[in-house]
PDB file of all heavy atoms in Angstrom:
ATOM      1  N   ASN A   1     181.162 100.711 -68.830  1.00  0.00           N
ATOM      2  CA  ASN A   1     180.613  99.464 -68.299  1.00  0.00           C
ATOM      3  C   ASN A   1     179.180  99.299 -68.795  1.00  0.00           C
ATOM      4  O   ASN A   1     178.213  99.397 -68.025  1.00  0.00           O
ATOM      5  CB  ASN A   1     180.660  99.476 -66.769  1.00  0.00           C
ATOM      6  CG  ASN A   1     180.514  98.090 -66.175  1.00  0.00           C
ATOM      7  OD1 ASN A   1     179.931  97.200 -66.800  1.00  0.00           O
ATOM      8  ND2 ASN A   1     181.025  97.895 -64.973  1.00  0.00           N
ATOM      9  N   PRO A   2     179.017  99.049 -70.099  1.00  0.00           N
ATOM     10  CA  PRO A   2     177.670  99.025 -70.679  1.00  0.00           C
ATOM     11  C   PRO A   2     176.757  97.965 -70.082  1.00  0.00           C
ATOM     12  O   PRO A   2     175.542  98.174 -69.976  1.00  0.00           O
ATOM     13  CB  PRO A   2     177.926  98.778 -72.167  1.00  0.00           C
ATOM     14  CG  PRO A   2     179.300  98.187 -72.240  1.00  0.00           C
ATOM     15  CD  PRO A   2     180.062  98.794 -71.110  1.00  0.00           C
ATOM     16  N   ASP A   3     177.306  96.831 -69.694  1.00  0.00           N
ATOM     17  CA  ASP A   3     176.461  95.770 -69.128  1.00  0.00           C
ATOM     18  C   ASP A   3     175.828  96.211 -67.818  1.00  0.00           C
ATOM     19  O   ASP A   3     174.657  95.917 -67.550  1.00  0.00           O
ATOM     20  CB  ASP A   3     177.279  94.493 -68.919  1.00  0.00           C
ATOM     21  CG  ASP A   3     177.692  93.840 -70.233  1.00  0.00           C
ATOM     22  OD1 ASP A   3     177.048  94.136 -71.257  1.00  0.00           O
ATOM     23  OD2 ASP A   3     178.656  93.056 -70.220  1.00  0.00           O
ATOM     24  N   LEU A   4     176.598  96.919 -66.992  1.00  0.00           N
ATOM     25  CA  LEU A   4     176.074  97.403 -65.718  1.00  0.00           C
ATOM     26  C   LEU A   4     175.006  98.472 -65.934  1.00  0.00           C
ATOM     27  O   LEU A   4     174.018  98.546 -65.194  1.00  0.00           O
ATOM     28  CB  LEU A   4     177.221  97.956 -64.871  1.00  0.00           C
ATOM     29  CG  LEU A   4     177.013  98.042 -63.349  1.00  0.00           C
ATOM     30  CD1 LEU A   4     176.517  96.721 -62.790  1.00  0.00           C
ATOM     31  CD2 LEU A   4     178.311  98.461 -62.674  1.00  0.00           C
ATOM     32  N   VAL A   5     175.192  99.281 -66.967  1.00  0.00           N
ATOM     33  CA  VAL A   5     174.199 100.307 -67.308  1.00  0.00           C
ATOM     34  C   VAL A   5     172.907  99.639 -67.784  1.00  0.00           C
ATOM     35  O   VAL A   5     171.806  99.983 -67.336  1.00  0.00           O
ATOM     36  CB  VAL A   5     174.758 101.264 -68.380  1.00  0.00           C
ATOM     37  CG1 VAL A   5     173.685 102.246 -68.845  1.00  0.00           C
ATOM     38  CG2 VAL A   5     175.969 102.020 -67.839  1.00  0.00           C
ATOM     39  N   ARG A   6     173.035  98.667 -68.661  1.00  0.00           N
ATOM     40  CA  ARG A   6     171.851  97.953 -69.173  1.00  0.00           C
ATOM     41  C   ARG A   6     171.118  97.227 -68.052  1.00  0.00           C
ATOM     42  O   ARG A   6     169.877  97.135 -68.060  1.00  0.00           O
ATOM     43  CB  ARG A   6     172.261  96.952 -70.251  1.00  0.00           C
ATOM     44  CG  ARG A   6     172.697  97.580 -71.563  1.00  0.00           C
ATOM     45  CD  ARG A   6     172.830  96.547 -72.677  1.00  0.00           C
ATOM     46  NE  ARG A   6     173.379  97.150 -73.887  1.00  0.00           N
ATOM     47  CZ  ARG A   6     174.677  97.146 -74.194  1.00  0.00           C
ATOM     48  NH1 ARG A   6     175.553  96.556 -73.385  1.00  0.00           N
ATOM     49  NH2 ARG A   6     175.107  97.734 -75.304  1.00  0.00           N
ATOM     50  N   ALA A   7     171.864  96.714 -67.085  1.00  0.00           N
ATOM     51  CA  ALA A   7     171.240  95.989 -65.972  1.00  0.00           C
ATOM     52  C   ALA A   7     170.304  96.885 -65.168  1.00  0.00           C
ATOM     53  O   ALA A   7     169.409  96.387 -64.472  1.00  0.00           O
ATOM     54  CB  ALA A   7     172.317  95.407 -65.065  1.00  0.00           C
ATOM     55  N   ASN A   8     170.483  98.201 -65.286  1.00  0.00           N
ATOM     56  CA  ASN A   8     169.606  99.147 -64.604  1.00  0.00           C
ATOM     57  C   ASN A   8     168.567  99.760 -65.538  1.00  0.00           C
ATOM     58  O   ASN A   8     167.954 100.785 -65.211  1.00  0.00           O
ATOM     59  CB  ASN A   8     170.451 100.239 -63.952  1.00  0.00           C
ATOM     60  CG  ASN A   8     171.112  99.760 -62.671  1.00  0.00           C
ATOM     61  OD1 ASN A   8     170.450  99.595 -61.648  1.00  0.00           O
ATOM     62  ND2 ASN A   8     172.411  99.500 -62.733  1.00  0.00           N
ATOM     63  N   GLY A   9     168.383  99.138 -66.703  1.00  0.00           N
ATOM     64  CA  GLY A   9     167.312  99.543 -67.606  1.00  0.00           C
ATOM     65  C   GLY A   9     167.637 100.687 -68.536  1.00  0.00           C
ATOM     66  O   GLY A   9     166.743 101.243 -69.185  1.00  0.00           O
ATOM     67  N   VAL A  10     168.922 101.046 -68.628  1.00  0.00           N
ATOM     68  CA  VAL A  10     169.339 102.184 -69.444  1.00  0.00           C
ATOM     69  C   VAL A  10     170.121 101.686 -70.651  1.00  0.00           C
ATOM     70  O   VAL A  10     170.943 100.767 -70.537  1.00  0.00           O
ATOM     71  CB  VAL A  10     170.202 103.163 -68.615  1.00  0.00           C
ATOM     72  CG1 VAL A  10     170.652 104.342 -69.472  1.00  0.00           C
ATOM     73  CG2 VAL A  10     169.429 103.631 -67.390  1.00  0.00           C
ATOM     74  N   ASP A  11     169.855 102.289 -71.824  1.00  0.00           N
ATOM     75  CA  ASP A  11     170.579 101.940 -73.042  1.00  0.00           C
ATOM     76  C   ASP A  11     171.828 102.820 -73.139  1.00  0.00           C
ATOM     77  O   ASP A  11     171.718 104.035 -73.365  1.00  0.00           O
ATOM     78  CB  ASP A  11     169.685 102.159 -74.262  1.00  0.00           C
ATOM     79  CG  ASP A  11     170.330 101.660 -75.555  1.00  0.00           C
ATOM     80  OD1 ASP A  11     171.568 101.477 -75.573  1.00  0.00           O
ATOM     81  OD2 ASP A  11     169.595 101.469 -76.546  1.00  0.00           O
ATOM     82  N   PRO A  12     173.023 102.246 -72.984  1.00  0.00           N
ATOM     83  CA  PRO A  12     174.252 103.061 -73.005  1.00  0.00           C
ATOM     84  C   PRO A  12     174.573 103.641 -74.377  1.00  0.00           C
ATOM     85  O   PRO A  12     175.423 104.533 -74.496  1.00  0.00           O
ATOM     86  CB  PRO A  12     175.333 102.081 -72.551  1.00  0.00           C
ATOM     87  CG  PRO A  12     174.803 100.738 -72.930  1.00  0.00           C
ATOM     88  CD  PRO A  12     173.324 100.818 -72.787  1.00  0.00           C
ATOM     89  N   ASP A  13     173.893 103.147 -75.408  1.00  0.00           N
ATOM     90  CA  ASP A  13     174.152 103.628 -76.764  1.00  0.00           C
ATOM     91  C   ASP A  13     173.266 104.808 -77.148  1.00  0.00           C
ATOM     92  O   ASP A  13     173.414 105.366 -78.240  1.00  0.00           O
ATOM     93  CB  ASP A  13     173.954 102.484 -77.764  1.00  0.00           C
ATOM     94  CG  ASP A  13     174.920 101.326 -77.512  1.00  0.00           C
ATOM     95  OD1 ASP A  13     176.095 101.613 -77.187  1.00  0.00           O
ATOM     96  OD2 ASP A  13     174.496 100.162 -77.613  1.00  0.00           O
ATOM     97  N   LYS A  14     172.347 105.182 -76.263  1.00  0.00           N
ATOM     98  CA  LYS A  14     171.478 106.331 -76.521  1.00  0.00           C
ATOM     99  C   LYS A  14     171.837 107.490 -75.598  1.00  0.00           C
ATOM    100  O   LYS A  14     172.400 107.296 -74.517  1.00  0.00           O
ATOM    101  CB  LYS A  14     170.005 105.943 -76.295  1.00  0.00           C
ATOM    102  CG  LYS A  14     169.445 104.969 -77.317  1.00  0.00           C
ATOM    103  CD  LYS A  14     167.964 104.712 -77.048  1.00  0.00           C
ATOM    104  CE  LYS A  14     167.364 103.780 -78.082  1.00  0.00           C
ATOM    105  NZ  LYS A  14     165.930 103.501 -77.797  1.00  0.00           N
ATOM    106  N   ARG A  15     171.502 108.685 -76.038  1.00  0.00           N
ATOM    107  CA  ARG A  15     171.749 109.865 -75.209  1.00  0.00           C
ATOM    108  C   ARG A  15     170.894 109.807 -73.941  1.00  0.00           C
ATOM    109  O   ARG A  15     169.785 109.265 -73.942  1.00  0.00           O
ATOM    110  CB  ARG A  15     171.437 111.143 -75.980  1.00  0.00           C
ATOM    111  CG  ARG A  15     172.359 111.382 -77.166  1.00  0.00           C
ATOM    112  CD  ARG A  15     172.181 112.799 -77.711  1.00  0.00           C
ATOM    113  NE  ARG A  15     170.829 113.035 -78.229  1.00  0.00           N
ATOM    114  CZ  ARG A  15     170.358 114.230 -78.600  1.00  0.00           C
ATOM    115  NH1 ARG A  15     171.141 115.302 -78.488  1.00  0.00           N
ATOM    116  NH2 ARG A  15     169.141 114.351 -79.078  1.00  0.00           N
ATOM    117  N   SER A  16     171.414 110.413 -72.880  1.00  0.00           N
ATOM    118  CA  SER A  16     170.657 110.389 -71.626  1.00  0.00           C
ATOM    119  C   SER A  16     170.952 111.621 -70.783  1.00  0.00           C
ATOM    120  O   SER A  16     172.059 112.164 -70.806  1.00  0.00           O
ATOM    121  CB  SER A  16     170.967 109.125 -70.814  1.00  0.00           C
ATOM    122  OG  SER A  16     172.340 109.085 -70.458  1.00  0.00           O
ATOM    123  N   VAL A  17     169.933 112.043 -70.060  1.00  0.00           N
ATOM    124  CA  VAL A  17     170.061 113.033 -68.991  1.00  0.00           C
ATOM    125  C   VAL A  17     169.845 112.271 -67.693  1.00  0.00           C
ATOM    126  O   VAL A  17     168.825 111.614 -67.511  1.00  0.00           O
ATOM    127  CB  VAL A  17     169.021 114.165 -69.127  1.00  0.00           C
ATOM    128  CG1 VAL A  17     169.008 115.037 -67.867  1.00  0.00           C
ATOM    129  CG2 VAL A  17     169.308 115.007 -70.358  1.00  0.00           C
ATOM    130  N   VAL A  18     170.820 112.359 -66.792  1.00  0.00           N
ATOM    131  CA  VAL A  18     170.793 111.551 -65.565  1.00  0.00           C
ATOM    132  C   VAL A  18     170.682 112.450 -64.340  1.00  0.00           C
ATOM    133  O   VAL A  18     171.358 113.475 -64.235  1.00  0.00           O
ATOM    134  CB  VAL A  18     172.052 110.666 -65.471  1.00  0.00           C
ATOM    135  CG1 VAL A  18     172.116 109.947 -64.123  1.00  0.00           C
ATOM    136  CG2 VAL A  18     172.072 109.646 -66.607  1.00  0.00           C
ATOM    137  N   PHE A  19     169.815 112.033 -63.431  1.00  0.00           N
ATOM    138  CA  PHE A  19     169.675 112.665 -62.111  1.00  0.00           C
ATOM    139  C   PHE A  19     170.010 111.627 -61.060  1.00  0.00           C
ATOM    140  O   PHE A  19     169.565 110.478 -61.145  1.00  0.00           O
ATOM    141  CB  PHE A  19     168.237 113.164 -61.913  1.00  0.00           C
ATOM    142  CG  PHE A  19     167.913 113.563 -60.489  1.00  0.00           C
ATOM    143  CD1 PHE A  19     168.066 114.870 -60.069  1.00  0.00           C
ATOM    144  CD2 PHE A  19     167.436 112.626 -59.567  1.00  0.00           C
ATOM    145  CE1 PHE A  19     167.772 115.246 -58.757  1.00  0.00           C
ATOM    146  CE2 PHE A  19     167.134 112.987 -58.262  1.00  0.00           C
ATOM    147  CZ  PHE A  19     167.305 114.300 -57.859  1.00  0.00           C
ATOM    148  N   VAL A  20     170.780 112.028 -60.048  1.00  0.00           N
ATOM    149  CA  VAL A  20     171.077 111.151 -58.916  1.00  0.00           C
ATOM    150  C   VAL A  20     170.822 111.928 -57.635  1.00  0.00           C
ATOM    151  O   VAL A  20     171.384 113.007 -57.437  1.00  0.00           O
ATOM    152  CB  VAL A  20     172.543 110.656 -58.927  1.00  0.00           C
ATOM    153  CG1 VAL A  20     172.832 109.811 -57.690  1.00  0.00           C
ATOM    154  CG2 VAL A  20     172.838 109.858 -60.194  1.00  0.00           C
ATOM    155  N   GLY A  21     169.973 111.396 -56.771  1.00  0.00           N
ATOM    156  CA  GLY A  21     169.730 112.090 -55.507  1.00  0.00           C
ATOM    157  C   GLY A  21     168.554 111.516 -54.749  1.00  0.00           C
ATOM    158  O   GLY A  21     167.744 110.755 -55.295  1.00  0.00           O
ATOM    159  N   ARG A  22     168.476 111.895 -53.492  1.00  0.00           N
ATOM    160  CA  ARG A  22     167.329 111.502 -52.681  1.00  0.00           C
ATOM    161  C   ARG A  22     166.098 112.302 -53.119  1.00  0.00           C
ATOM    162  O   ARG A  22     166.212 113.377 -53.709  1.00  0.00           O
ATOM    163  CB  ARG A  22     167.614 111.753 -51.201  1.00  0.00           C
ATOM    164  CG  ARG A  22     168.663 110.819 -50.614  1.00  0.00           C
ATOM    165  CD  ARG A  22     168.989 111.172 -49.171  1.00  0.00           C
ATOM    166  NE  ARG A  22     169.615 112.483 -49.065  1.00  0.00           N
ATOM    167  CZ  ARG A  22     169.118 113.500 -48.380  1.00  0.00           C
ATOM    168  NH1 ARG A  22     167.965 113.375 -47.752  1.00  0.00           N
ATOM    169  NH2 ARG A  22     169.763 114.657 -48.325  1.00  0.00           N
ATOM    170  N   ILE A  23     164.929 111.750 -52.833  1.00  0.00           N
ATOM    171  CA  ILE A  23     163.687 112.438 -53.174  1.00  0.00           C
ATOM    172  C   ILE A  23     163.319 113.355 -52.014  1.00  0.00           C
ATOM    173  O   ILE A  23     162.648 112.963 -51.053  1.00  0.00           O
ATOM    174  CB  ILE A  23     162.562 111.421 -53.476  1.00  0.00           C
ATOM    175  CG1 ILE A  23     162.967 110.509 -54.641  1.00  0.00           C
ATOM    176  CG2 ILE A  23     161.261 112.151 -53.814  1.00  0.00           C
ATOM    177  CD1 ILE A  23     161.994 109.379 -54.913  1.00  0.00           C
ATOM    178  N   THR A  24     163.822 114.563 -52.094  1.00  0.00           N
ATOM    179  CA  THR A  24     163.547 115.584 -51.084  1.00  0.00           C
ATOM    180  C   THR A  24     163.227 116.887 -51.799  1.00  0.00           C
ATOM    181  O   THR A  24     163.554 117.061 -52.983  1.00  0.00           O
ATOM    182  CB  THR A  24     164.765 115.821 -50.173  1.00  0.00           C
ATOM    183  OG1 THR A  24     165.796 116.457 -50.938  1.00  0.00           O
ATOM    184  CG2 THR A  24     165.314 114.516 -49.611  1.00  0.00           C
ATOM    185  N   GLN A  25     162.617 117.796 -51.067  1.00  0.00           N
ATOM    186  CA  GLN A  25     162.283 119.084 -51.687  1.00  0.00           C
ATOM    187  C   GLN A  25     163.530 119.806 -52.171  1.00  0.00           C
ATOM    188  O   GLN A  25     163.518 120.451 -53.218  1.00  0.00           O
ATOM    189  CB  GLN A  25     161.511 119.957 -50.691  1.00  0.00           C
ATOM    190  CG  GLN A  25     160.103 119.451 -50.415  1.00  0.00           C
ATOM    191  CD  GLN A  25     159.195 120.546 -49.887  1.00  0.00           C
ATOM    192  OE1 GLN A  25     159.247 121.690 -50.333  1.00  0.00           O
ATOM    193  NE2 GLN A  25     158.338 120.196 -48.942  1.00  0.00           N
ATOM    194  N   GLN A  26     164.616 119.703 -51.405  1.00  0.00           N
ATOM    195  CA  GLN A  26     165.796 120.488 -51.748  1.00  0.00           C
ATOM    196  C   GLN A  26     166.449 120.035 -53.048  1.00  0.00           C
ATOM    197  O   GLN A  26     167.152 120.813 -53.695  1.00  0.00           O
ATOM    198  CB  GLN A  26     166.808 120.442 -50.604  1.00  0.00           C
ATOM    199  CG  GLN A  26     167.485 119.105 -50.407  1.00  0.00           C
ATOM    200  CD  GLN A  26     168.289 119.037 -49.120  1.00  0.00           C
ATOM    201  OE1 GLN A  26     167.729 119.169 -48.039  1.00  0.00           O
ATOM    202  NE2 GLN A  26     169.583 118.817 -49.231  1.00  0.00           N
ATOM    203  N   LYS A  27     166.243 118.776 -53.452  1.00  0.00           N
ATOM    204  CA  LYS A  27     166.891 118.261 -54.664  1.00  0.00           C
ATOM    205  C   LYS A  27     166.179 118.693 -55.948  1.00  0.00           C
ATOM    206  O   LYS A  27     166.721 118.531 -57.042  1.00  0.00           O
ATOM    207  CB  LYS A  27     166.992 116.739 -54.618  1.00  0.00           C
ATOM    208  CG  LYS A  27     167.851 116.205 -53.478  1.00  0.00           C
ATOM    209  CD  LYS A  27     169.290 116.688 -53.554  1.00  0.00           C
ATOM    210  CE  LYS A  27     170.138 116.141 -52.416  1.00  0.00           C
ATOM    211  NZ  LYS A  27     171.525 116.661 -52.443  1.00  0.00           N
ATOM    212  N   GLY A  28     164.964 119.228 -55.822  1.00  0.00           N
ATOM    213  CA  GLY A  28     164.305 119.849 -56.972  1.00  0.00           C
ATOM    214  C   GLY A  28     163.854 118.910 -58.076  1.00  0.00           C
ATOM    215  O   GLY A  28     163.652 119.348 -59.219  1.00  0.00           O
ATOM    216  N   LEU A  29     163.676 117.631 -57.780  1.00  0.00           N
ATOM    217  CA  LEU A  29     163.310 116.665 -58.818  1.00  0.00           C
ATOM    218  C   LEU A  29     162.014 117.017 -59.547  1.00  0.00           C
ATOM    219  O   LEU A  29     161.935 116.845 -60.779  1.00  0.00           O
ATOM    220  CB  LEU A  29     163.227 115.262 -58.211  1.00  0.00           C
ATOM    221  CG  LEU A  29     162.905 114.104 -59.150  1.00  0.00           C
ATOM    222  CD1 LEU A  29     163.826 114.076 -60.362  1.00  0.00           C
ATOM    223  CD2 LEU A  29     162.964 112.769 -58.396  1.00  0.00           C
ATOM    224  N   PRO A  30     160.974 117.516 -58.879  1.00  0.00           N
ATOM    225  CA  PRO A  30     159.756 117.882 -59.622  1.00  0.00           C
ATOM    226  C   PRO A  30     159.999 118.895 -60.740  1.00  0.00           C
ATOM    227  O   PRO A  30     159.341 118.831 -61.796  1.00  0.00           O
ATOM    228  CB  PRO A  30     158.834 118.453 -58.533  1.00  0.00           C
ATOM    229  CG  PRO A  30     159.263 117.749 -57.288  1.00  0.00           C
ATOM    230  CD  PRO A  30     160.763 117.636 -57.419  1.00  0.00           C
ATOM    231  N   TYR A  31     160.943 119.816 -60.536  1.00  0.00           N
ATOM    232  CA  TYR A  31     161.227 120.812 -61.582  1.00  0.00           C
ATOM    233  C   TYR A  31     161.874 120.145 -62.797  1.00  0.00           C
ATOM    234  O   TYR A  31     161.565 120.488 -63.939  1.00  0.00           O
ATOM    235  CB  TYR A  31     162.136 121.918 -61.034  1.00  0.00           C
ATOM    236  CG  TYR A  31     161.600 122.550 -59.768  1.00  0.00           C
ATOM    237  CD1 TYR A  31     162.282 122.431 -58.562  1.00  0.00           C
ATOM    238  CD2 TYR A  31     160.389 123.251 -59.770  1.00  0.00           C
ATOM    239  CE1 TYR A  31     161.799 122.993 -57.397  1.00  0.00           C
ATOM    240  CE2 TYR A  31     159.890 123.812 -58.609  1.00  0.00           C
ATOM    241  CZ  TYR A  31     160.594 123.677 -57.422  1.00  0.00           C
ATOM    242  OH  TYR A  31     160.091 124.227 -56.269  1.00  0.00           O
ATOM    243  N   LEU A  32     162.743 119.173 -62.554  1.00  0.00           N
ATOM    244  CA  LEU A  32     163.357 118.443 -63.659  1.00  0.00           C
ATOM    245  C   LEU A  32     162.306 117.655 -64.433  1.00  0.00           C
ATOM    246  O   LEU A  32     162.334 117.614 -65.676  1.00  0.00           O
ATOM    247  CB  LEU A  32     164.448 117.503 -63.137  1.00  0.00           C
ATOM    248  CG  LEU A  32     165.085 116.572 -64.179  1.00  0.00           C
ATOM    249  CD1 LEU A  32     165.774 117.375 -65.283  1.00  0.00           C
ATOM    250  CD2 LEU A  32     166.080 115.625 -63.508  1.00  0.00           C
ATOM    251  N   LEU A  33     161.382 117.026 -63.720  1.00  0.00           N
ATOM    252  CA  LEU A  33     160.349 116.237 -64.391  1.00  0.00           C
ATOM    253  C   LEU A  33     159.462 117.111 -65.274  1.00  0.00           C
ATOM    254  O   LEU A  33     159.007 116.667 -66.337  1.00  0.00           O
ATOM    255  CB  LEU A  33     159.504 115.496 -63.345  1.00  0.00           C
ATOM    256  CG  LEU A  33     160.237 114.340 -62.651  1.00  0.00           C
ATOM    257  CD1 LEU A  33     159.470 113.881 -61.418  1.00  0.00           C
ATOM    258  CD2 LEU A  33     160.437 113.179 -63.618  1.00  0.00           C
ATOM    259  N   LYS A  34     159.248 118.343 -64.861  1.00  0.00           N
ATOM    260  CA  LYS A  34     158.475 119.269 -65.700  1.00  0.00           C
ATOM    261  C   LYS A  34     159.309 119.759 -66.880  1.00  0.00           C
ATOM    262  O   LYS A  34     158.804 119.865 -68.004  1.00  0.00           O
ATOM    263  CB  LYS A  34     157.982 120.445 -64.856  1.00  0.00           C
ATOM    264  CG  LYS A  34     156.962 120.027 -63.796  1.00  0.00           C
ATOM    265  CD  LYS A  34     156.623 121.162 -62.842  1.00  0.00           C
ATOM    266  CE  LYS A  34     155.664 120.687 -61.752  1.00  0.00           C
ATOM    267  NZ  LYS A  34     155.355 121.746 -60.763  1.00  0.00           N
ATOM    268  N   ALA A  35     160.592 120.023 -66.634  1.00  0.00           N
ATOM    269  CA  ALA A  35     161.475 120.476 -67.709  1.00  0.00           C
ATOM    270  C   ALA A  35     161.677 119.392 -68.758  1.00  0.00           C
ATOM    271  O   ALA A  35     161.875 119.686 -69.954  1.00  0.00           O
ATOM    272  CB  ALA A  35     162.824 120.896 -67.129  1.00  0.00           C
ATOM    273  N   ALA A  36     161.624 118.129 -68.341  1.00  0.00           N
ATOM    274  CA  ALA A  36     161.898 117.008 -69.247  1.00  0.00           C
ATOM    275  C   ALA A  36     160.891 116.891 -70.379  1.00  0.00           C
ATOM    276  O   ALA A  36     161.162 116.220 -71.380  1.00  0.00           O
ATOM    277  CB  ALA A  36     161.935 115.700 -68.451  1.00  0.00           C
ATOM    278  N   ARG A  37     159.754 117.537 -70.250  1.00  0.00           N
ATOM    279  CA  ARG A  37     158.775 117.536 -71.356  1.00  0.00           C
ATOM    280  C   ARG A  37     159.342 118.178 -72.618  1.00  0.00           C
ATOM    281  O   ARG A  37     158.860 117.923 -73.724  1.00  0.00           O
ATOM    282  CB  ARG A  37     157.503 118.278 -70.926  1.00  0.00           C
ATOM    283  CG  ARG A  37     156.677 117.513 -69.887  1.00  0.00           C
ATOM    284  CD  ARG A  37     155.494 118.329 -69.401  1.00  0.00           C
ATOM    285  NE  ARG A  37     154.608 117.512 -68.582  1.00  0.00           N
ATOM    286  CZ  ARG A  37     153.524 116.874 -69.014  1.00  0.00           C
ATOM    287  NH1 ARG A  37     153.179 116.987 -70.296  1.00  0.00           N
ATOM    288  NH2 ARG A  37     152.778 116.138 -68.215  1.00  0.00           N
ATOM    289  N   GLU A  38     160.374 119.016 -72.438  1.00  0.00           N
ATOM    290  CA  GLU A  38     160.959 119.726 -73.573  1.00  0.00           C
ATOM    291  C   GLU A  38     162.187 119.027 -74.149  1.00  0.00           C
ATOM    292  O   GLU A  38     162.797 119.525 -75.102  1.00  0.00           O
ATOM    293  CB  GLU A  38     161.353 121.150 -73.144  1.00  0.00           C
ATOM    294  CG  GLU A  38     160.229 121.951 -72.512  1.00  0.00           C
ATOM    295  CD  GLU A  38     159.014 122.062 -73.413  1.00  0.00           C
ATOM    296  OE1 GLU A  38     159.202 122.240 -74.635  1.00  0.00           O
ATOM    297  OE2 GLU A  38     157.881 121.938 -72.905  1.00  0.00           O
ATOM    298  N   LEU A  39     162.571 117.877 -73.601  1.00  0.00           N
ATOM    299  CA  LEU A  39     163.743 117.159 -74.111  1.00  0.00           C
ATOM    300  C   LEU A  39     163.425 116.480 -75.440  1.00  0.00           C
ATOM    301  O   LEU A  39     162.271 116.076 -75.680  1.00  0.00           O
ATOM    302  CB  LEU A  39     164.196 116.099 -73.105  1.00  0.00           C
ATOM    303  CG  LEU A  39     164.761 116.580 -71.771  1.00  0.00           C
ATOM    304  CD1 LEU A  39     165.051 115.385 -70.864  1.00  0.00           C
ATOM    305  CD2 LEU A  39     166.012 117.420 -71.981  1.00  0.00           C
ATOM    306  N   PRO A  40     164.415 116.308 -76.309  1.00  0.00           N
ATOM    307  CA  PRO A  40     164.197 115.544 -77.548  1.00  0.00           C
ATOM    308  C   PRO A  40     163.690 114.126 -77.224  1.00  0.00           C
ATOM    309  O   PRO A  40     164.073 113.539 -76.208  1.00  0.00           O
ATOM    310  CB  PRO A  40     165.584 115.506 -78.191  1.00  0.00           C
ATOM    311  CG  PRO A  40     166.292 116.690 -77.632  1.00  0.00           C
ATOM    312  CD  PRO A  40     165.783 116.852 -76.231  1.00  0.00           C
ATOM    313  N   SER A  41     162.864 113.605 -78.103  1.00  0.00           N
ATOM    314  CA  SER A  41     162.203 112.322 -77.822  1.00  0.00           C
ATOM    315  C   SER A  41     163.170 111.153 -77.722  1.00  0.00           C
ATOM    316  O   SER A  41     162.880 110.146 -77.063  1.00  0.00           O
ATOM    317  CB  SER A  41     161.165 112.029 -78.904  1.00  0.00           C
ATOM    318  OG  SER A  41     161.787 111.976 -80.177  1.00  0.00           O
TER     319      SER A  41
END
């Protein structure tokens, strides 16, 4: 459903790492944001 993906600001034709979750300590989002510095551009 590429149109629905684009409607949320994401390019469906490009590679992506996706996180889904509430912003809580247990979900560990800050660690992902730090790890993301090492992802391909």
